[in-house]
């Protein structure tokens, strides 16, 4: 059977195109499976700073946990993913360890947009800026400051633990009475 050049061209050109397109399509689907950008956490001296990644409903939790060496370390988690910056170490895609909890003097969190939640479960002074979106913020001991103001009424809530705490929000935001200083605008 003789193959003419016309038939060969009609078969070879589409096959070559498919040969180039298939690896590109597979590379595109592999890239789609890679985790996207994440929130970040850093530690400089005694301050731990968390910044939420934009466009996500972040779920921040800060806890003190005992590590394998029996040290109490500060663990920062975000179920949407977190990246450990300077001063912290990546523990998993959703958690970072930021050194000994006893040497942390302040926690700062910027939640950004989205319907975010933040639970600061340590007795360390914290400053939380809830940003835009319907947010829920809860702190423990420490002299905490919570800013719920985003220009939207009735969409945020704050609860404070021990210490002398201050929370501000928009009219209708729910600020618990355990936040000693409360203001809505």
C-alpha atoms as a PDB file:
ATOM      1  CA  UNK A   1       0.000   0.000   0.000  1.00  0.00           C
ATOM      2  CA  UNK A   2       1.444   3.300  -1.082  1.00  0.00           C
ATOM      3  CA  UNK A   3       0.926   6.415   1.060  1.00  0.00           C
ATOM      4  CA  UNK A   4       0.676   9.526  -0.988  1.00  0.00           C
ATOM      5  CA  UNK A   5       2.131  12.770   0.230  1.00  0.00           C
ATOM      6  CA  UNK A   6      -1.332  14.395   0.448  1.00  0.00           C
ATOM      7  CA  UNK A   7      -2.586  11.759   2.918  1.00  0.00           C
ATOM      8  CA  UNK A   8       0.633  11.952   4.912  1.00  0.00           C
ATOM      9  CA  UNK A   9       0.315  15.727   5.249  1.00  0.00           C
ATOM     10  CA  UNK A  10      -3.345  15.504   6.320  1.00  0.00           C
ATOM     11  CA  UNK A  11      -2.438  13.001   9.084  1.00  0.00           C
ATOM     12  CA  UNK A  12       0.985  14.310  10.114  1.00  0.00           C
ATOM     13  CA  UNK A  13       0.046  17.960  10.691  1.00  0.00           C
ATOM     14  CA  UNK A  14      -2.875  17.260  13.110  1.00  0.00           C
ATOM     15  CA  UNK A  15      -0.766  14.643  14.904  1.00  0.00           C
ATOM     16  CA  UNK A  16       2.074  17.128  15.366  1.00  0.00           C
ATOM     17  CA  UNK A  17      -0.320  19.775  16.651  1.00  0.00           C
ATOM     18  CA  UNK A  18      -1.824  17.272  19.114  1.00  0.00           C
ATOM     19  CA  UNK A  19       1.667  16.246  20.163  1.00  0.00           C
ATOM     20  CA  UNK A  20       2.408  19.846  21.162  1.00  0.00           C
ATOM     21  CA  UNK A  21      -1.028  20.663  22.572  1.00  0.00           C
ATOM     22  CA  UNK A  22      -1.339  17.642  24.867  1.00  0.00           C
ATOM     23  CA  UNK A  23       1.703  18.468  27.037  1.00  0.00           C
ATOM     24  CA  UNK A  24       0.527  22.089  27.279  1.00  0.00           C
ATOM     25  CA  UNK A  25      -2.958  20.976  28.328  1.00  0.00           C
ATOM     26  CA  UNK A  26      -1.513  18.618  30.927  1.00  0.00           C
ATOM     27  CA  UNK A  27       0.785  21.345  32.247  1.00  0.00           C
ATOM     28  CA  UNK A  28      -2.199  23.677  32.539  1.00  0.00           C
ATOM     29  CA  UNK A  29      -4.231  21.154  34.533  1.00  0.00           C
ATOM     30  CA  UNK A  30      -1.254  20.418  36.808  1.00  0.00           C
ATOM     31  CA  UNK A  31      -0.860  24.128  37.478  1.00  0.00           C
ATOM     32  CA  UNK A  32      -4.552  24.355  38.322  1.00  0.00           C
ATOM     33  CA  UNK A  33      -4.056  21.680  40.973  1.00  0.00           C
ATOM     34  CA  UNK A  34      -1.251  23.563  42.715  1.00  0.00           C
ATOM     35  CA  UNK A  35      -2.282  25.543  45.804  1.00  0.00           C
ATOM     36  CA  UNK A  36      -2.869  29.226  45.185  1.00  0.00           C
ATOM     37  CA  UNK A  37      -1.363  32.139  47.023  1.00  0.00           C
ATOM     38  CA  UNK A  38      -1.828  32.015  50.760  1.00  0.00           C
ATOM     39  CA  UNK A  39      -2.054  34.334  53.707  1.00  0.00           C
ATOM     40  CA  UNK A  40       1.279  35.119  55.353  1.00  0.00           C
ATOM     41  CA  UNK A  41       2.594  35.211  58.897  1.00  0.00           C
ATOM     42  CA  UNK A  42       5.894  36.699  60.065  1.00  0.00           C
ATOM     43  CA  UNK A  43       7.649  37.294  63.350  1.00  0.00           C
ATOM     44  CA  UNK A  44       9.938  40.215  64.080  1.00  0.00           C
ATOM     45  CA  UNK A  45      11.273  40.381  67.611  1.00  0.00           C
ATOM     46  CA  UNK A  46       8.217  39.924  69.850  1.00  0.00           C
ATOM     47  CA  UNK A  47       5.509  40.720  67.272  1.00  0.00           C
ATOM     48  CA  UNK A  48       3.742  38.122  65.148  1.00  0.00           C
ATOM     49  CA  UNK A  49       1.948  39.614  62.129  1.00  0.00           C
ATOM     50  CA  UNK A  50      -0.675  37.853  59.994  1.00  0.00           C
ATOM     51  CA  UNK A  51      -1.939  39.227  56.678  1.00  0.00           C
ATOM     52  CA  UNK A  52      -4.852  37.504  54.951  1.00  0.00           C
ATOM     53  CA  UNK A  53      -4.725  36.773  51.247  1.00  0.00           C
ATOM     54  CA  UNK A  54      -7.297  38.810  49.335  1.00  0.00           C
ATOM     55  CA  UNK A  55     -10.417  37.155  47.942  1.00  0.00           C
ATOM     56  CA  UNK A  56     -10.621  34.326  50.482  1.00  0.00           C
ATOM     57  CA  UNK A  57     -12.832  33.613  53.480  1.00  0.00           C
ATOM     58  CA  UNK A  58      -9.910  33.200  55.874  1.00  0.00           C
ATOM     59  CA  UNK A  59     -10.197  31.115  59.030  1.00  0.00           C
ATOM     60  CA  UNK A  60      -7.407  32.274  61.342  1.00  0.00           C
ATOM     61  CA  UNK A  61      -6.601  30.551  64.630  1.00  0.00           C
ATOM     62  CA  UNK A  62      -3.677  31.399  66.917  1.00  0.00           C
ATOM     63  CA  UNK A  63      -2.849  28.879  69.652  1.00  0.00           C
ATOM     64  CA  UNK A  64      -0.038  27.911  72.020  1.00  0.00           C
ATOM     65  CA  UNK A  65       0.931  24.256  71.683  1.00  0.00           C
ATOM     66  CA  UNK A  66       3.609  21.982  73.105  1.00  0.00           C
ATOM     67  CA  UNK A  67       6.170  20.843  70.535  1.00  0.00           C
ATOM     68  CA  UNK A  68       8.262  17.647  70.446  1.00  0.00           C
ATOM     69  CA  UNK A  69      10.884  19.275  72.727  1.00  0.00           C
ATOM     70  CA  UNK A  70       8.235  20.135  75.334  1.00  0.00           C
ATOM     71  CA  UNK A  71       8.415  23.854  74.450  1.00  0.00           C
ATOM     72  CA  UNK A  72       5.272  25.974  74.223  1.00  0.00           C
ATOM     73  CA  UNK A  73       5.248  27.444  70.722  1.00  0.00           C
ATOM     74  CA  UNK A  74       2.888  29.832  68.945  1.00  0.00           C
ATOM     75  CA  UNK A  75       0.995  28.137  66.105  1.00  0.00           C
ATOM     76  CA  UNK A  76      -0.840  30.195  63.485  1.00  0.00           C
ATOM     77  CA  UNK A  77      -3.284  28.358  61.226  1.00  0.00           C
ATOM     78  CA  UNK A  78      -5.516  29.395  58.346  1.00  0.00           C
ATOM     79  CA  UNK A  79      -7.709  26.716  56.787  1.00  0.00           C
ATOM     80  CA  UNK A  80      -7.450  28.569  53.463  1.00  0.00           C
ATOM     81  CA  UNK A  81      -3.658  28.154  53.528  1.00  0.00           C
ATOM     82  CA  UNK A  82      -0.801  30.077  55.102  1.00  0.00           C
ATOM     83  CA  UNK A  83       2.776  30.841  54.155  1.00  0.00           C
ATOM     84  CA  UNK A  84       5.472  31.193  56.812  1.00  0.00           C
ATOM     85  CA  UNK A  85       7.541  34.320  56.355  1.00  0.00           C
ATOM     86  CA  UNK A  86      10.645  35.446  58.248  1.00  0.00           C
ATOM     87  CA  UNK A  87      10.671  34.357  61.891  1.00  0.00           C
ATOM     88  CA  UNK A  88       8.185  31.507  61.371  1.00  0.00           C
ATOM     89  CA  UNK A  89       8.484  27.951  60.024  1.00  0.00           C
ATOM     90  CA  UNK A  90       6.033  26.135  57.778  1.00  0.00           C
ATOM     91  CA  UNK A  91       4.444  23.215  59.667  1.00  0.00           C
ATOM     92  CA  UNK A  92       1.863  22.264  57.002  1.00  0.00           C
ATOM     93  CA  UNK A  93       0.077  24.018  54.125  1.00  0.00           C
ATOM     94  CA  UNK A  94      -2.349  25.436  56.718  1.00  0.00           C
ATOM     95  CA  UNK A  95      -0.069  26.041  59.727  1.00  0.00           C
ATOM     96  CA  UNK A  96       3.092  27.890  60.716  1.00  0.00           C
ATOM     97  CA  UNK A  97       5.067  27.830  63.966  1.00  0.00           C
ATOM     98  CA  UNK A  98       6.333  31.238  65.069  1.00  0.00           C
ATOM     99  CA  UNK A  99       8.720  30.395  67.896  1.00  0.00           C
ATOM    100  CA  UNK A 100       8.286  30.315  71.641  1.00  0.00           C
ATOM    101  CA  UNK A 101       4.905  31.658  72.708  1.00  0.00           C
ATOM    102  CA  UNK A 102       6.307  33.134  75.927  1.00  0.00           C
ATOM    103  CA  UNK A 103       8.478  35.611  74.027  1.00  0.00           C
ATOM    104  CA  UNK A 104       5.635  36.975  71.867  1.00  0.00           C
ATOM    105  CA  UNK A 105       4.481  40.365  73.136  1.00  0.00           C
ATOM    106  CA  UNK A 106       1.943  41.277  70.430  1.00  0.00           C
ATOM    107  CA  UNK A 107      -0.138  39.647  67.703  1.00  0.00           C
ATOM    108  CA  UNK A 108      -1.317  41.712  64.749  1.00  0.00           C
ATOM    109  CA  UNK A 109      -3.879  40.377  62.251  1.00  0.00           C
ATOM    110  CA  UNK A 110      -5.221  41.993  59.080  1.00  0.00           C
ATOM    111  CA  UNK A 111      -8.130  39.901  57.802  1.00  0.00           C
ATOM    112  CA  UNK A 112      -8.818  41.798  54.576  1.00  0.00           C
ATOM    113  CA  UNK A 113     -11.905  41.160  52.471  1.00  0.00           C
ATOM    114  CA  UNK A 114     -14.133  38.097  52.627  1.00  0.00           C
ATOM    115  CA  UNK A 115     -16.229  36.537  55.358  1.00  0.00           C
ATOM    116  CA  UNK A 116     -13.337  35.897  57.741  1.00  0.00           C
ATOM    117  CA  UNK A 117     -13.093  34.392  61.208  1.00  0.00           C
ATOM    118  CA  UNK A 118     -10.294  34.971  63.690  1.00  0.00           C
ATOM    119  CA  UNK A 119      -9.848  33.182  67.000  1.00  0.00           C
ATOM    120  CA  UNK A 120      -6.861  34.359  69.047  1.00  0.00           C
ATOM    121  CA  UNK A 121      -6.722  31.649  71.733  1.00  0.00           C
ATOM    122  CA  UNK A 122      -3.685  32.940  73.640  1.00  0.00           C
ATOM    123  CA  UNK A 123      -3.303  35.458  76.456  1.00  0.00           C
ATOM    124  CA  UNK A 124      -1.214  37.866  74.381  1.00  0.00           C
ATOM    125  CA  UNK A 125      -2.175  41.441  73.481  1.00  0.00           C
ATOM    126  CA  UNK A 126      -3.698  41.371  70.001  1.00  0.00           C
ATOM    127  CA  UNK A 127      -4.694  43.896  67.383  1.00  0.00           C
ATOM    128  CA  UNK A 128      -7.197  42.645  64.783  1.00  0.00           C
ATOM    129  CA  UNK A 129      -8.359  44.653  61.766  1.00  0.00           C
ATOM    130  CA  UNK A 130     -11.314  42.691  60.385  1.00  0.00           C
ATOM    131  CA  UNK A 131     -11.384  44.522  57.057  1.00  0.00           C
ATOM    132  CA  UNK A 132     -14.283  44.308  54.610  1.00  0.00           C
ATOM    133  CA  UNK A 133     -16.851  41.515  54.638  1.00  0.00           C
ATOM    134  CA  UNK A 134     -18.927  39.865  57.352  1.00  0.00           C
ATOM    135  CA  UNK A 135     -16.351  38.881  59.975  1.00  0.00           C
ATOM    136  CA  UNK A 136     -16.266  37.144  63.356  1.00  0.00           C
ATOM    137  CA  UNK A 137     -13.416  37.959  65.766  1.00  0.00           C
ATOM    138  CA  UNK A 138     -12.796  36.394  69.169  1.00  0.00           C
ATOM    139  CA  UNK A 139      -9.820  37.096  71.407  1.00  0.00           C
ATOM    140  CA  UNK A 140      -8.659  35.664  74.731  1.00  0.00           C
ATOM    141  CA  UNK A 141      -6.622  37.329  77.501  1.00  0.00           C
ATOM    142  CA  UNK A 142      -4.418  40.293  76.799  1.00  0.00           C
ATOM    143  CA  UNK A 143      -5.260  43.910  76.145  1.00  0.00           C
ATOM    144  CA  UNK A 144      -6.830  43.522  72.718  1.00  0.00           C
ATOM    145  CA  UNK A 145      -7.980  45.992  70.076  1.00  0.00           C
ATOM    146  CA  UNK A 146     -10.531  44.916  67.460  1.00  0.00           C
ATOM    147  CA  UNK A 147     -11.552  47.055  64.482  1.00  0.00           C
ATOM    148  CA  UNK A 148     -14.739  45.865  62.746  1.00  0.00           C
ATOM    149  CA  UNK A 149     -15.344  49.114  60.851  1.00  0.00           C
ATOM    150  CA  UNK A 150     -15.863  48.418  57.170  1.00  0.00           C
ATOM    151  CA  UNK A 151     -18.670  50.844  56.284  1.00  0.00           C
ATOM    152  CA  UNK A 152     -21.358  48.139  56.437  1.00  0.00           C
ATOM    153  CA  UNK A 153     -23.797  47.922  59.353  1.00  0.00           C
ATOM    154  CA  UNK A 154     -24.980  44.712  61.026  1.00  0.00           C
ATOM    155  CA  UNK A 155     -22.434  42.329  59.506  1.00  0.00           C
ATOM    156  CA  UNK A 156     -19.587  41.780  62.007  1.00  0.00           C
ATOM    157  CA  UNK A 157     -19.204  40.470  65.548  1.00  0.00           C
ATOM    158  CA  UNK A 158     -16.514  40.628  68.226  1.00  0.00           C
ATOM    159  CA  UNK A 159     -16.004  38.877  71.537  1.00  0.00           C
ATOM    160  CA  UNK A 160     -13.155  39.633  73.930  1.00  0.00           C
ATOM    161  CA  UNK A 161     -11.534  37.626  76.708  1.00  0.00           C
ATOM    162  CA  UNK A 162      -9.637  38.800  79.781  1.00  0.00           C
ATOM    163  CA  UNK A 163      -7.643  41.997  79.828  1.00  0.00           C
ATOM    164  CA  UNK A 164      -8.767  45.508  79.021  1.00  0.00           C
ATOM    165  CA  UNK A 165     -10.126  45.323  75.491  1.00  0.00           C
ATOM    166  CA  UNK A 166     -11.438  47.836  72.958  1.00  0.00           C
ATOM    167  CA  UNK A 167     -13.651  47.090  69.966  1.00  0.00           C
ATOM    168  CA  UNK A 168     -15.100  49.449  67.387  1.00  0.00           C
ATOM    169  CA  UNK A 169     -17.562  48.737  64.618  1.00  0.00           C
ATOM    170  CA  UNK A 170     -20.373  50.047  62.497  1.00  0.00           C
ATOM    171  CA  UNK A 171     -23.875  50.621  63.843  1.00  0.00           C
ATOM    172  CA  UNK A 172     -25.523  47.237  64.355  1.00  0.00           C
ATOM    173  CA  UNK A 173     -22.293  45.218  64.552  1.00  0.00           C
ATOM    174  CA  UNK A 174     -22.414  42.847  67.517  1.00  0.00           C
ATOM    175  CA  UNK A 175     -19.770  43.679  70.110  1.00  0.00           C
ATOM    176  CA  UNK A 176     -19.885  41.546  73.254  1.00  0.00           C
ATOM    177  CA  UNK A 177     -20.072  43.216  76.658  1.00  0.00           C
ATOM    178  CA  UNK A 178     -16.828  41.436  77.617  1.00  0.00           C
ATOM    179  CA  UNK A 179     -15.087  44.002  75.385  1.00  0.00           C
ATOM    180  CA  UNK A 180     -14.690  46.706  78.047  1.00  0.00           C
ATOM    181  CA  UNK A 181     -14.548  49.638  75.629  1.00  0.00           C
ATOM    182  CA  UNK A 182     -17.096  49.433  72.809  1.00  0.00           C
ATOM    183  CA  UNK A 183     -17.967  51.972  70.144  1.00  0.00           C
ATOM    184  CA  UNK A 184     -20.071  51.921  66.994  1.00  0.00           C
ATOM    185  CA  UNK A 185     -20.167  54.646  64.350  1.00  0.00           C
END
